[in-house]
Amino acid sequence: MKKLLIVDDHADIRRLVRLTLEFEEVEVREAADGPQALDILKEWRPNAVLVDLMMPGMDGLTLCRKLRDQPSTCGIPVVFLTARGHAQDREAGMQAGASAYLVKPFSPLQLIQELDRAALGAT
């Protein structure tokens, strides 16, 4: 079974992503912020991490850079799912090490396709 960590400070977005993946045979865990995500990643290795860009305390760019800097998490694909859709935001996300960048509101099919490309489709 594939594994996905959703990191978003909005519970409704986490729930929507979980429902989107309901029939995809994906084990989903959730974190409300970057520090909680880092704690989860100490014990659990997902196939991909879906991250919001704008979160209190630690933004998604900082979280992505931290994941890239740690040997234990540097290979985990990071997919941004954010309301920030400007070209400079997308560029900043990719420079931080993201594998993909999706803008809210998102198409459920597009989310599944991007996650498949990033890692969930890999065996």
PDB file of N, CA and C in Angstrom:
ATOM      1  N   MET A   1       0.844  -1.187   0.000  1.00  0.00           N
ATOM      2  CA  MET A   1       0.000   0.000   0.000  1.00  0.00           C
ATOM      3  C   MET A   1       0.884   1.244   0.000  1.00  0.00           C
ATOM      4  N   LYS A   2       0.505   2.201  -0.826  1.00  0.00           N
ATOM      5  CA  LYS A   2       1.233   3.467  -0.889  1.00  0.00           C
ATOM      6  C   LYS A   2       0.904   4.306   0.334  1.00  0.00           C
ATOM      7  N   LYS A   3       1.818   5.221   0.678  1.00  0.00           N
ATOM      8  CA  LYS A   3       1.637   6.056   1.864  1.00  0.00           C
ATOM      9  C   LYS A   3       1.830   7.526   1.507  1.00  0.00           C
ATOM     10  N   LEU A   4       0.957   8.380   2.064  1.00  0.00           N
ATOM     11  CA  LEU A   4       1.004   9.809   1.805  1.00  0.00           C
ATOM     12  C   LEU A   4       0.847  10.572   3.113  1.00  0.00           C
ATOM     13  N   LEU A   5       1.694  11.570   3.314  1.00  0.00           N
ATOM     14  CA  LEU A   5       1.552  12.495   4.429  1.00  0.00           C
ATOM     15  C   LEU A   5       1.015  13.810   3.880  1.00  0.00           C
ATOM     16  N   ILE A   6      -0.122  14.260   4.435  1.00  0.00           N
ATOM     17  CA  ILE A   6      -0.718  15.538   4.052  1.00  0.00           C
ATOM     18  C   ILE A   6      -0.366  16.549   5.138  1.00  0.00           C
ATOM     19  N   VAL A   7       0.240  17.669   4.741  1.00  0.00           N
ATOM     20  CA  VAL A   7       0.609  18.715   5.688  1.00  0.00           C
ATOM     21  C   VAL A   7      -0.114  19.993   5.287  1.00  0.00           C
ATOM     22  N   ASP A   8      -1.148  20.331   6.055  1.00  0.00           N
ATOM     23  CA  ASP A   8      -1.947  21.526   5.762  1.00  0.00           C
ATOM     24  C   ASP A   8      -2.595  21.969   7.065  1.00  0.00           C
ATOM     25  N   ASP A   9      -2.604  23.270   7.315  1.00  0.00           N
ATOM     26  CA  ASP A   9      -3.182  23.771   8.559  1.00  0.00           C
ATOM     27  C   ASP A   9      -4.704  23.811   8.522  1.00  0.00           C
ATOM     28  N   HIS A  10      -5.311  23.535   7.382  1.00  0.00           N
ATOM     29  CA  HIS A  10      -6.769  23.516   7.275  1.00  0.00           C
ATOM     30  C   HIS A  10      -7.275  22.068   7.243  1.00  0.00           C
ATOM     31  N   ALA A  11      -8.017  21.692   8.286  1.00  0.00           N
ATOM     32  CA  ALA A  11      -8.531  20.324   8.393  1.00  0.00           C
ATOM     33  C   ALA A  11      -9.443  19.966   7.220  1.00  0.00           C
ATOM     34  N   ASP A  12     -10.186  20.951   6.681  1.00  0.00           N
ATOM     35  CA  ASP A  12     -11.091  20.655   5.574  1.00  0.00           C
ATOM     36  C   ASP A  12     -10.326  20.272   4.308  1.00  0.00           C
ATOM     37  N   ILE A  13      -9.173  20.871   4.087  1.00  0.00           N
ATOM     38  CA  ILE A  13      -8.344  20.494   2.922  1.00  0.00           C
ATOM     39  C   ILE A  13      -7.788  19.090   3.127  1.00  0.00           C
ATOM     40  N   ARG A  14      -7.305  18.799   4.326  1.00  0.00           N
ATOM     41  CA  ARG A  14      -6.793  17.446   4.604  1.00  0.00           C
ATOM     42  C   ARG A  14      -7.891  16.405   4.378  1.00  0.00           C
ATOM     43  N   ARG A  15      -9.096  16.720   4.831  1.00  0.00           N
ATOM     44  CA  ARG A  15     -10.229  15.802   4.673  1.00  0.00           C
ATOM     45  C   ARG A  15     -10.578  15.631   3.185  1.00  0.00           C
ATOM     46  N   LEU A  16     -10.573  16.721   2.423  1.00  0.00           N
ATOM     47  CA  LEU A  16     -10.875  16.659   0.995  1.00  0.00           C
ATOM     48  C   LEU A  16      -9.847  15.790   0.255  1.00  0.00           C
ATOM     49  N   VAL A  17      -8.574  15.947   0.591  1.00  0.00           N
ATOM     50  CA  VAL A  17      -7.534  15.123  -0.041  1.00  0.00           C
ATOM     51  C   VAL A  17      -7.729  13.660   0.334  1.00  0.00           C
ATOM     52  N   ARG A  18      -8.016  13.412   1.614  1.00  0.00           N
ATOM     53  CA  ARG A  18      -8.249  12.036   2.067  1.00  0.00           C
ATOM     54  C   ARG A  18      -9.418  11.415   1.284  1.00  0.00           C
ATOM     55  N   LEU A  19     -10.508  12.163   1.123  1.00  0.00           N
ATOM     56  CA  LEU A  19     -11.657  11.662   0.372  1.00  0.00           C
ATOM     57  C   LEU A  19     -11.318  11.442  -1.103  1.00  0.00           C
ATOM     58  N   THR A  20     -10.504  12.319  -1.657  1.00  0.00           N
ATOM     59  CA  THR A  20     -10.070  12.181  -3.050  1.00  0.00           C
ATOM     60  C   THR A  20      -9.321  10.875  -3.262  1.00  0.00           C
ATOM     61  N   LEU A  21      -8.551  10.469  -2.260  1.00  0.00           N
ATOM     62  CA  LEU A  21      -7.707   9.275  -2.378  1.00  0.00           C
ATOM     63  C   LEU A  21      -8.360   8.024  -1.800  1.00  0.00           C
ATOM     64  N   GLU A  22      -9.624   8.140  -1.412  1.00  0.00           N
ATOM     65  CA  GLU A  22     -10.333   7.072  -0.721  1.00  0.00           C
ATOM     66  C   GLU A  22     -10.278   5.728  -1.449  1.00  0.00           C
ATOM     67  N   PHE A  23     -10.346   5.757  -2.767  1.00  0.00           N
ATOM     68  CA  PHE A  23     -10.378   4.510  -3.534  1.00  0.00           C
ATOM     69  C   PHE A  23      -9.043   4.198  -4.206  1.00  0.00           C
ATOM     70  N   GLU A  24      -8.001   4.879  -3.802  1.00  0.00           N
ATOM     71  CA  GLU A  24      -6.694   4.705  -4.435  1.00  0.00           C
ATOM     72  C   GLU A  24      -5.761   3.775  -3.661  1.00  0.00           C
ATOM     73  N   GLU A  25      -6.247   3.155  -2.591  1.00  0.00           N
ATOM     74  CA  GLU A  25      -5.433   2.279  -1.752  1.00  0.00           C
ATOM     75  C   GLU A  25      -4.176   2.985  -1.268  1.00  0.00           C
ATOM     76  N   VAL A  26      -4.385   4.109  -0.618  1.00  0.00           N
ATOM     77  CA  VAL A  26      -3.295   4.916  -0.077  1.00  0.00           C
ATOM     78  C   VAL A  26      -3.512   5.082   1.421  1.00  0.00           C
ATOM     79  N   GLU A  27      -2.497   4.758   2.189  1.00  0.00           N
ATOM     80  CA  GLU A  27      -2.538   5.034   3.627  1.00  0.00           C
ATOM     81  C   GLU A  27      -2.195   6.505   3.811  1.00  0.00           C
ATOM     82  N   VAL A  28      -3.088   7.255   4.423  1.00  0.00           N
ATOM     83  CA  VAL A  28      -2.906   8.688   4.576  1.00  0.00           C
ATOM     84  C   VAL A  28      -2.721   9.029   6.053  1.00  0.00           C
ATOM     85  N   ARG A  29      -1.714   9.835   6.321  1.00  0.00           N
ATOM     86  CA  ARG A  29      -1.555  10.430   7.650  1.00  0.00           C
ATOM     87  C   ARG A  29      -1.553  11.938   7.460  1.00  0.00           C
ATOM     88  N   GLU A  30      -1.923  12.645   8.532  1.00  0.00           N
ATOM     89  CA  GLU A  30      -2.091  14.088   8.438  1.00  0.00           C
ATOM     90  C   GLU A  30      -1.263  14.812   9.486  1.00  0.00           C
ATOM     91  N   ALA A  31      -0.788  15.998   9.097  1.00  0.00           N
ATOM     92  CA  ALA A  31      -0.106  16.908  10.011  1.00  0.00           C
ATOM     93  C   ALA A  31      -0.677  18.296   9.779  1.00  0.00           C
ATOM     94  N   ALA A  32      -0.889  19.037  10.869  1.00  0.00           N
ATOM     95  CA  ALA A  32      -1.459  20.382  10.774  1.00  0.00           C
ATOM     96  C   ALA A  32      -0.404  21.448  10.538  1.00  0.00           C
ATOM     97  N   ASP A  33       0.891  21.074  10.686  1.00  0.00           N
ATOM     98  CA  ASP A  33       1.963  22.046  10.487  1.00  0.00           C
ATOM     99  C   ASP A  33       3.292  21.332  10.245  1.00  0.00           C
ATOM    100  N   GLY A  34       4.307  22.128   9.929  1.00  0.00           N
ATOM    101  CA  GLY A  34       5.626  21.573   9.628  1.00  0.00           C
ATOM    102  C   GLY A  34       6.253  20.791  10.769  1.00  0.00           C
ATOM    103  N   PRO A  35       6.278  21.334  12.002  1.00  0.00           N
ATOM    104  CA  PRO A  35       6.878  20.580  13.107  1.00  0.00           C
ATOM    105  C   PRO A  35       6.186  19.231  13.351  1.00  0.00           C
ATOM    106  N   GLN A  36       4.865  19.199  13.243  1.00  0.00           N
ATOM    107  CA  GLN A  36       4.153  17.931  13.417  1.00  0.00           C
ATOM    108  C   GLN A  36       4.536  16.956  12.297  1.00  0.00           C
ATOM    109  N   ALA A  37       4.688  17.464  11.088  1.00  0.00           N
ATOM    110  CA  ALA A  37       5.104  16.617   9.968  1.00  0.00           C
ATOM    111  C   ALA A  37       6.488  16.018  10.223  1.00  0.00           C
ATOM    112  N   LEU A  38       7.404  16.837  10.694  1.00  0.00           N
ATOM    113  CA  LEU A  38       8.756  16.341  10.986  1.00  0.00           C
ATOM    114  C   LEU A  38       8.722  15.262  12.057  1.00  0.00           C
ATOM    115  N   ASP A  39       7.861  15.419  13.052  1.00  0.00           N
ATOM    116  CA  ASP A  39       7.720  14.388  14.088  1.00  0.00           C
ATOM    117  C   ASP A  39       7.208  13.087  13.497  1.00  0.00           C
ATOM    118  N   ILE A  40       6.205  13.170  12.645  1.00  0.00           N
ATOM    119  CA  ILE A  40       5.657  11.968  12.009  1.00  0.00           C
ATOM    120  C   ILE A  40       6.729  11.281  11.166  1.00  0.00           C
ATOM    121  N   LEU A  41       7.534  12.075  10.458  1.00  0.00           N
ATOM    122  CA  LEU A  41       8.549  11.513   9.563  1.00  0.00           C
ATOM    123  C   LEU A  41       9.713  10.865  10.304  1.00  0.00           C
ATOM    124  N   LYS A  42       9.828  11.088  11.590  1.00  0.00           N
ATOM    125  CA  LYS A  42      10.850  10.396  12.379  1.00  0.00           C
ATOM    126  C   LYS A  42      10.541   8.910  12.484  1.00  0.00           C
ATOM    127  N   GLU A  43       9.238   8.570  12.423  1.00  0.00           N
ATOM    128  CA  GLU A  43       8.798   7.193  12.650  1.00  0.00           C
ATOM    129  C   GLU A  43       8.195   6.524  11.423  1.00  0.00           C
ATOM    130  N   TRP A  44       7.830   7.300  10.405  1.00  0.00           N
ATOM    131  CA  TRP A  44       7.023   6.770   9.300  1.00  0.00           C
ATOM    132  C   TRP A  44       7.530   7.335   7.986  1.00  0.00           C
ATOM    133  N   ARG A  45       7.667   6.488   6.975  1.00  0.00           N
ATOM    134  CA  ARG A  45       8.165   6.910   5.673  1.00  0.00           C
ATOM    135  C   ARG A  45       7.085   6.820   4.606  1.00  0.00           C
ATOM    136  N   PRO A  46       6.534   7.956   4.201  1.00  0.00           N
ATOM    137  CA  PRO A  46       5.542   7.939   3.115  1.00  0.00           C
ATOM    138  C   PRO A  46       6.225   7.874   1.751  1.00  0.00           C
ATOM    139  N   ASN A  47       5.427   7.560   0.741  1.00  0.00           N
ATOM    140  CA  ASN A  47       5.916   7.590  -0.632  1.00  0.00           C
ATOM    141  C   ASN A  47       5.967   9.014  -1.163  1.00  0.00           C
ATOM    142  N   ALA A  48       5.167   9.907  -0.548  1.00  0.00           N
ATOM    143  CA  ALA A  48       5.147  11.313  -0.947  1.00  0.00           C
ATOM    144  C   ALA A  48       4.582  12.152   0.194  1.00  0.00           C
ATOM    145  N   VAL A  49       4.909  13.453   0.154  1.00  0.00           N
ATOM    146  CA  VAL A  49       4.385  14.408   1.128  1.00  0.00           C
ATOM    147  C   VAL A  49       3.686  15.514   0.349  1.00  0.00           C
ATOM    148  N   LEU A  50       2.432  15.770   0.700  1.00  0.00           N
ATOM    149  CA  LEU A  50       1.634  16.823   0.083  1.00  0.00           C
ATOM    150  C   LEU A  50       1.635  17.996   1.063  1.00  0.00           C
ATOM    151  N   VAL A  51       2.141  19.153   0.626  1.00  0.00           N
ATOM    152  CA  VAL A  51       2.398  20.260   1.546  1.00  0.00           C
ATOM    153  C   VAL A  51       1.732  21.557   1.085  1.00  0.00           C
ATOM    154  N   ASP A  52       1.100  22.245   2.043  1.00  0.00           N
ATOM    155  CA  ASP A  52       0.588  23.590   1.797  1.00  0.00           C
ATOM    156  C   ASP A  52       1.756  24.560   1.890  1.00  0.00           C
ATOM    157  N   LEU A  53       1.717  25.608   1.110  1.00  0.00           N
ATOM    158  CA  LEU A  53       2.790  26.599   1.142  1.00  0.00           C
ATOM    159  C   LEU A  53       2.670  27.521   2.346  1.00  0.00           C
ATOM    160  N   MET A  54       1.449  27.989   2.613  1.00  0.00           N
ATOM    161  CA  MET A  54       1.242  28.966   3.680  1.00  0.00           C
ATOM    162  C   MET A  54       0.688  28.286   4.932  1.00  0.00           C
ATOM    163  N   MET A  55       1.540  28.163   5.950  1.00  0.00           N
ATOM    164  CA  MET A  55       1.135  27.602   7.232  1.00  0.00           C
ATOM    165  C   MET A  55       1.789  28.428   8.335  1.00  0.00           C
ATOM    166  N   PRO A  56       1.129  28.524   9.478  1.00  0.00           N
ATOM    167  CA  PRO A  56       1.726  29.274  10.586  1.00  0.00           C
ATOM    168  C   PRO A  56       2.944  28.544  11.146  1.00  0.00           C
ATOM    169  N   GLY A  57       3.881  29.308  11.659  1.00  0.00           N
ATOM    170  CA  GLY A  57       5.054  28.719  12.307  1.00  0.00           C
ATOM    171  C   GLY A  57       6.147  28.352  11.324  1.00  0.00           C
ATOM    172  N   MET A  58       5.900  27.355  10.510  1.00  0.00           N
ATOM    173  CA  MET A  58       6.871  26.908   9.508  1.00  0.00           C
ATOM    174  C   MET A  58       6.141  26.777   8.180  1.00  0.00           C
ATOM    175  N   ASP A  59       6.503  27.599   7.212  1.00  0.00           N
ATOM    176  CA  ASP A  59       5.823  27.519   5.916  1.00  0.00           C
ATOM    177  C   ASP A  59       6.280  26.283   5.138  1.00  0.00           C
ATOM    178  N   GLY A  60       5.573  26.001   4.066  1.00  0.00           N
ATOM    179  CA  GLY A  60       5.873  24.814   3.280  1.00  0.00           C
ATOM    180  C   GLY A  60       7.239  24.832   2.631  1.00  0.00           C
ATOM    181  N   LEU A  61       7.720  26.010   2.230  1.00  0.00           N
ATOM    182  CA  LEU A  61       9.061  26.098   1.640  1.00  0.00           C
ATOM    183  C   LEU A  61      10.122  25.665   2.645  1.00  0.00           C
ATOM    184  N   THR A  62       9.992  26.139   3.875  1.00  0.00           N
ATOM    185  CA  THR A  62      10.946  25.773   4.923  1.00  0.00           C
ATOM    186  C   THR A  62      10.883  24.281   5.196  1.00  0.00           C
ATOM    187  N   LEU A  63       9.671  23.735   5.285  1.00  0.00           N
ATOM    188  CA  LEU A  63       9.523  22.298   5.508  1.00  0.00           C
ATOM    189  C   LEU A  63      10.171  21.512   4.376  1.00  0.00           C
ATOM    190  N   CYS A  64       9.922  21.907   3.145  1.00  0.00           N
ATOM    191  CA  CYS A  64      10.492  21.210   1.995  1.00  0.00           C
ATOM    192  C   CYS A  64      12.020  21.237   2.047  1.00  0.00           C
ATOM    193  N   ARG A  65      12.588  22.394   2.357  1.00  0.00           N
ATOM    194  CA  ARG A  65      14.053  22.496   2.461  1.00  0.00           C
ATOM    195  C   ARG A  65      14.596  21.598   3.564  1.00  0.00           C
ATOM    196  N   LYS A  66      13.886  21.537   4.696  1.00  0.00           N
ATOM    197  CA  LYS A  66      14.317  20.665   5.794  1.00  0.00           C
ATOM    198  C   LYS A  66      14.284  19.201   5.361  1.00  0.00           C
ATOM    199  N   LEU A  67      13.256  18.827   4.621  1.00  0.00           N
ATOM    200  CA  LEU A  67      13.179  17.444   4.135  1.00  0.00           C
ATOM    201  C   LEU A  67      14.323  17.141   3.178  1.00  0.00           C
ATOM    202  N   ARG A  68      14.666  18.099   2.326  1.00  0.00           N
ATOM    203  CA  ARG A  68      15.756  17.903   1.374  1.00  0.00           C
ATOM    204  C   ARG A  68      17.122  17.836   2.073  1.00  0.00           C
ATOM    205  N   ASP A  69      17.248  18.508   3.211  1.00  0.00           N
ATOM    206  CA  ASP A  69      18.525  18.562   3.926  1.00  0.00           C
ATOM    207  C   ASP A  69      18.798  17.329   4.791  1.00  0.00           C
ATOM    208  N   GLN A  70      17.781  16.531   5.079  1.00  0.00           N
ATOM    209  CA  GLN A  70      17.952  15.372   5.950  1.00  0.00           C
ATOM    210  C   GLN A  70      18.131  14.110   5.106  1.00  0.00           C
ATOM    211  N   PRO A  71      19.183  13.350   5.357  1.00  0.00           N
ATOM    212  CA  PRO A  71      19.405  12.129   4.571  1.00  0.00           C
ATOM    213  C   PRO A  71      18.221  11.153   4.602  1.00  0.00           C
ATOM    214  N   SER A  72      17.515  11.089   5.723  1.00  0.00           N
ATOM    215  CA  SER A  72      16.416  10.132   5.838  1.00  0.00           C
ATOM    216  C   SER A  72      15.175  10.541   5.052  1.00  0.00           C
ATOM    217  N   THR A  73      15.061  11.821   4.676  1.00  0.00           N
ATOM    218  CA  THR A  73      13.862  12.293   3.966  1.00  0.00           C
ATOM    219  C   THR A  73      14.162  12.950   2.622  1.00  0.00           C
ATOM    220  N   CYS A  74      15.419  13.053   2.264  1.00  0.00           N
ATOM    221  CA  CYS A  74      15.775  13.809   1.056  1.00  0.00           C
ATOM    222  C   CYS A  74      15.207  13.202  -0.225  1.00  0.00           C
ATOM    223  N   GLY A  75      14.905  11.923  -0.223  1.00  0.00           N
ATOM    224  CA  GLY A  75      14.396  11.277  -1.421  1.00  0.00           C
ATOM    225  C   GLY A  75      12.885  11.204  -1.519  1.00  0.00           C
ATOM    226  N   ILE A  76      12.186  11.675  -0.501  1.00  0.00           N
ATOM    227  CA  ILE A  76      10.723  11.622  -0.518  1.00  0.00           C
ATOM    228  C   ILE A  76      10.190  12.764  -1.387  1.00  0.00           C
ATOM    229  N   PRO A  77       9.413  12.455  -2.414  1.00  0.00           N
ATOM    230  CA  PRO A  77       8.856  13.516  -3.249  1.00  0.00           C
ATOM    231  C   PRO A  77       7.923  14.431  -2.456  1.00  0.00           C
ATOM    232  N   VAL A  78       8.025  15.726  -2.709  1.00  0.00           N
ATOM    233  CA  VAL A  78       7.176  16.726  -2.078  1.00  0.00           C
ATOM    234  C   VAL A  78       6.324  17.375  -3.169  1.00  0.00           C
ATOM    235  N   VAL A  79       5.014  17.375  -2.954  1.00  0.00           N
ATOM    236  CA  VAL A  79       4.080  18.007  -3.881  1.00  0.00           C
ATOM    237  C   VAL A  79       3.413  19.155  -3.136  1.00  0.00           C
ATOM    238  N   PHE A  80       3.560  20.369  -3.646  1.00  0.00           N
ATOM    239  CA  PHE A  80       2.885  21.507  -3.035  1.00  0.00           C
ATOM    240  C   PHE A  80       1.448  21.558  -3.510  1.00  0.00           C
ATOM    241  N   LEU A  81       0.535  21.838  -2.576  1.00  0.00           N
ATOM    242  CA  LEU A  81      -0.865  22.084  -2.875  1.00  0.00           C
ATOM    243  C   LEU A  81      -1.221  23.379  -2.159  1.00  0.00           C
ATOM    244  N   THR A  82      -1.336  24.467  -2.918  1.00  0.00           N
ATOM    245  CA  THR A  82      -1.405  25.786  -2.311  1.00  0.00           C
ATOM    246  C   THR A  82      -2.325  26.721  -3.076  1.00  0.00           C
ATOM    247  N   ALA A  83      -2.750  27.769  -2.398  1.00  0.00           N
ATOM    248  CA  ALA A  83      -3.562  28.805  -3.049  1.00  0.00           C
ATOM    249  C   ALA A  83      -2.693  29.799  -3.811  1.00  0.00           C
ATOM    250  N   ARG A  84      -1.386  29.745  -3.592  1.00  0.00           N
ATOM    251  CA  ARG A  84      -0.475  30.699  -4.236  1.00  0.00           C
ATOM    252  C   ARG A  84      -0.066  30.183  -5.610  1.00  0.00           C
ATOM    253  N   GLY A  85      -0.630  30.835  -6.641  1.00  0.00           N
ATOM    254  CA  GLY A  85      -0.426  30.339  -7.994  1.00  0.00           C
ATOM    255  C   GLY A  85       0.420  31.208  -8.899  1.00  0.00           C
ATOM    256  N   HIS A  86       1.064  32.229  -8.352  1.00  0.00           N
ATOM    257  CA  HIS A  86       1.904  33.092  -9.187  1.00  0.00           C
ATOM    258  C   HIS A  86       3.165  32.353  -9.632  1.00  0.00           C
ATOM    259  N   ALA A  87       3.711  32.765 -10.745  1.00  0.00           N
ATOM    260  CA  ALA A  87       4.906  32.114 -11.293  1.00  0.00           C
ATOM    261  C   ALA A  87       6.053  32.118 -10.295  1.00  0.00           C
ATOM    262  N   GLN A  88       6.243  33.226  -9.558  1.00  0.00           N
ATOM    263  CA  GLN A  88       7.353  33.285  -8.601  1.00  0.00           C
ATOM    264  C   GLN A  88       7.128  32.325  -7.426  1.00  0.00           C
ATOM    265  N   ASP A  89       5.859  32.091  -7.057  1.00  0.00           N
ATOM    266  CA  ASP A  89       5.571  31.117  -5.995  1.00  0.00           C
ATOM    267  C   ASP A  89       5.909  29.709  -6.470  1.00  0.00           C
ATOM    268  N   ARG A  90       5.478  29.394  -7.679  1.00  0.00           N
ATOM    269  CA  ARG A  90       5.772  28.075  -8.259  1.00  0.00           C
ATOM    270  C   ARG A  90       7.289  27.866  -8.367  1.00  0.00           C
ATOM    271  N   GLU A  91       7.985  28.896  -8.838  1.00  0.00           N
ATOM    272  CA  GLU A  91       9.445  28.805  -8.971  1.00  0.00           C
ATOM    273  C   GLU A  91      10.103  28.594  -7.608  1.00  0.00           C
ATOM    274  N   ALA A  92       9.636  29.321  -6.590  1.00  0.00           N
ATOM    275  CA  ALA A  92      10.196  29.163  -5.243  1.00  0.00           C
ATOM    276  C   ALA A  92       9.969  27.746  -4.724  1.00  0.00           C
ATOM    277  N   GLY A  93       8.803  27.199  -5.004  1.00  0.00           N
ATOM    278  CA  GLY A  93       8.508  25.831  -4.579  1.00  0.00           C
ATOM    279  C   GLY A  93       9.413  24.819  -5.254  1.00  0.00           C
ATOM    280  N   MET A  94       9.604  24.982  -6.538  1.00  0.00           N
ATOM    281  CA  MET A  94      10.467  24.053  -7.263  1.00  0.00           C
ATOM    282  C   MET A  94      11.928  24.197  -6.826  1.00  0.00           C
ATOM    283  N   GLN A  95      12.362  25.438  -6.564  1.00  0.00           N
ATOM    284  CA  GLN A  95      13.726  25.657  -6.092  1.00  0.00           C
ATOM    285  C   GLN A  95      13.947  25.073  -4.696  1.00  0.00           C
ATOM    286  N   ALA A  96      12.878  25.022  -3.894  1.00  0.00           N
ATOM    287  CA  ALA A  96      12.988  24.437  -2.556  1.00  0.00           C
ATOM    288  C   ALA A  96      13.097  22.917  -2.615  1.00  0.00           C
ATOM    289  N   GLY A  97      12.786  22.343  -3.789  1.00  0.00           N
ATOM    290  CA  GLY A  97      12.938  20.903  -3.950  1.00  0.00           C
ATOM    291  C   GLY A  97      11.656  20.149  -4.221  1.00  0.00           C
ATOM    292  N   ALA A  98      10.571  20.855  -4.552  1.00  0.00           N
ATOM    293  CA  ALA A  98       9.299  20.180  -4.819  1.00  0.00           C
ATOM    294  C   ALA A  98       9.366  19.353  -6.101  1.00  0.00           C
ATOM    295  N   SER A  99       8.615  18.281  -6.114  1.00  0.00           N
ATOM    296  CA  SER A  99       8.485  17.443  -7.301  1.00  0.00           C
ATOM    297  C   SER A  99       7.368  17.935  -8.206  1.00  0.00           C
ATOM    298  N   ALA A 100       6.363  18.589  -7.608  1.00  0.00           N
ATOM    299  CA  ALA A 100       5.221  19.114  -8.358  1.00  0.00           C
ATOM    300  C   ALA A 100       4.600  20.250  -7.566  1.00  0.00           C
ATOM    301  N   TYR A 101       3.780  21.053  -8.259  1.00  0.00           N
ATOM    302  CA  TYR A 101       3.171  22.237  -7.653  1.00  0.00           C
ATOM    303  C   TYR A 101       1.754  22.358  -8.184  1.00  0.00           C
ATOM    304  N   LEU A 102       0.772  22.182  -7.303  1.00  0.00           N
ATOM    305  CA  LEU A 102      -0.637  22.289  -7.675  1.00  0.00           C
ATOM    306  C   LEU A 102      -1.261  23.481  -6.968  1.00  0.00           C
ATOM    307  N   VAL A 103      -2.212  24.124  -7.648  1.00  0.00           N
ATOM    308  CA  VAL A 103      -2.856  25.308  -7.093  1.00  0.00           C
ATOM    309  C   VAL A 103      -4.297  24.975  -6.699  1.00  0.00           C
ATOM    310  N   LYS A 104      -4.694  25.434  -5.505  1.00  0.00           N
ATOM    311  CA  LYS A 104      -6.081  25.305  -5.039  1.00  0.00           C
ATOM    312  C   LYS A 104      -6.920  26.378  -5.733  1.00  0.00           C
ATOM    313  N   PRO A 105      -8.160  26.127  -6.058  1.00  0.00           N
ATOM    314  CA  PRO A 105      -8.830  24.833  -5.936  1.00  0.00           C
ATOM    315  C   PRO A 105      -8.253  23.857  -6.952  1.00  0.00           C
ATOM    316  N   PHE A 106      -8.238  22.605  -6.587  1.00  0.00           N
ATOM    317  CA  PHE A 106      -7.589  21.605  -7.431  1.00  0.00           C
ATOM    318  C   PHE A 106      -8.609  20.605  -7.961  1.00  0.00           C
ATOM    319  N   SER A 107      -8.261  20.019  -9.066  1.00  0.00           N
ATOM    320  CA  SER A 107      -9.054  18.936  -9.636  1.00  0.00           C
ATOM    321  C   SER A 107      -8.627  17.638  -8.949  1.00  0.00           C
ATOM    322  N   PRO A 108      -9.571  16.854  -8.422  1.00  0.00           N
ATOM    323  CA  PRO A 108      -9.193  15.580  -7.808  1.00  0.00           C
ATOM    324  C   PRO A 108      -8.398  14.684  -8.759  1.00  0.00           C
ATOM    325  N   LEU A 109      -8.788  14.657 -10.020  1.00  0.00           N
ATOM    326  CA  LEU A 109      -8.064  13.839 -10.998  1.00  0.00           C
ATOM    327  C   LEU A 109      -6.630  14.345 -11.168  1.00  0.00           C
ATOM    328  N   GLN A 110      -6.471  15.658 -11.232  1.00  0.00           N
ATOM    329  CA  GLN A 110      -5.132  16.232 -11.361  1.00  0.00           C
ATOM    330  C   GLN A 110      -4.277  15.897 -10.140  1.00  0.00           C
ATOM    331  N   LEU A 111      -4.869  15.949  -8.951  1.00  0.00           N
ATOM    332  CA  LEU A 111      -4.129  15.601  -7.734  1.00  0.00           C
ATOM    333  C   LEU A 111      -3.651  14.154  -7.802  1.00  0.00           C
ATOM    334  N   ILE A 112      -4.542  13.251  -8.160  1.00  0.00           N
ATOM    335  CA  ILE A 112      -4.170  11.835  -8.249  1.00  0.00           C
ATOM    336  C   ILE A 112      -3.069  11.635  -9.283  1.00  0.00           C
ATOM    337  N   GLN A 113      -3.188  12.292 -10.442  1.00  0.00           N
ATOM    338  CA  GLN A 113      -2.171  12.154 -11.483  1.00  0.00           C
ATOM    339  C   GLN A 113      -0.818  12.676 -11.021  1.00  0.00           C
ATOM    340  N   GLU A 114      -0.793  13.827 -10.350  1.00  0.00           N
ATOM    341  CA  GLU A 114       0.480  14.385  -9.881  1.00  0.00           C
ATOM    342  C   GLU A 114       1.102  13.514  -8.804  1.00  0.00           C
ATOM    343  N   LEU A 115       0.287  12.995  -7.898  1.00  0.00           N
ATOM    344  CA  LEU A 115       0.824  12.110  -6.863  1.00  0.00           C
ATOM    345  C   LEU A 115       1.346  10.818  -7.475  1.00  0.00           C
ATOM    346  N   ASP A 116       0.635  10.289  -8.484  1.00  0.00           N
ATOM    347  CA  ASP A 116       1.123   9.104  -9.185  1.00  0.00           C
ATOM    348  C   ASP A 116       2.474   9.382  -9.828  1.00  0.00           C
ATOM    349  N   ARG A 117       2.588  10.528 -10.477  1.00  0.00           N
ATOM    350  CA  ARG A 117       3.865  10.888 -11.119  1.00  0.00           C
ATOM    351  C   ARG A 117       4.968  11.069 -10.082  1.00  0.00           C
ATOM    352  N   ALA A 118       4.616  11.676  -8.958  1.00  0.00           N
ATOM    353  CA  ALA A 118       5.635  11.966  -7.942  1.00  0.00           C
ATOM    354  C   ALA A 118       6.128  10.693  -7.272  1.00  0.00           C
ATOM    355  N   ALA A 119       5.211   9.795  -6.895  1.00  0.00           N
ATOM    356  CA  ALA A 119       5.690   8.620  -6.178  1.00  0.00           C
ATOM    357  C   ALA A 119       4.653   7.555  -5.937  1.00  0.00           C
ATOM    358  N   LEU A 120       3.414   7.914  -5.820  1.00  0.00           N
ATOM    359  CA  LEU A 120       2.423   6.921  -5.412  1.00  0.00           C
ATOM    360  C   LEU A 120       2.204   5.866  -6.456  1.00  0.00           C
ATOM    361  N   GLY A 121       2.485   6.160  -7.702  1.00  0.00           N
ATOM    362  CA  GLY A 121       2.330   5.163  -8.749  1.00  0.00           C
ATOM    363  C   GLY A 121       3.498   4.204  -8.813  1.00  0.00           C
ATOM    364  N   ALA A 122       4.616   4.568  -8.186  1.00  0.00           N
ATOM    365  CA  ALA A 122       5.786   3.693  -8.195  1.00  0.00           C
ATOM    366  C   ALA A 122       5.585   2.559  -7.202  1.00  0.00           C
ATOM    367  N   THR A 123       6.135   1.416  -7.515  1.00  0.00           N
ATOM    368  CA  THR A 123       6.016   0.278  -6.603  1.00  0.00           C
ATOM    369  C   THR A 123       7.268   0.125  -5.779  1.00  0.00           C
TER     370      THR A 123
END
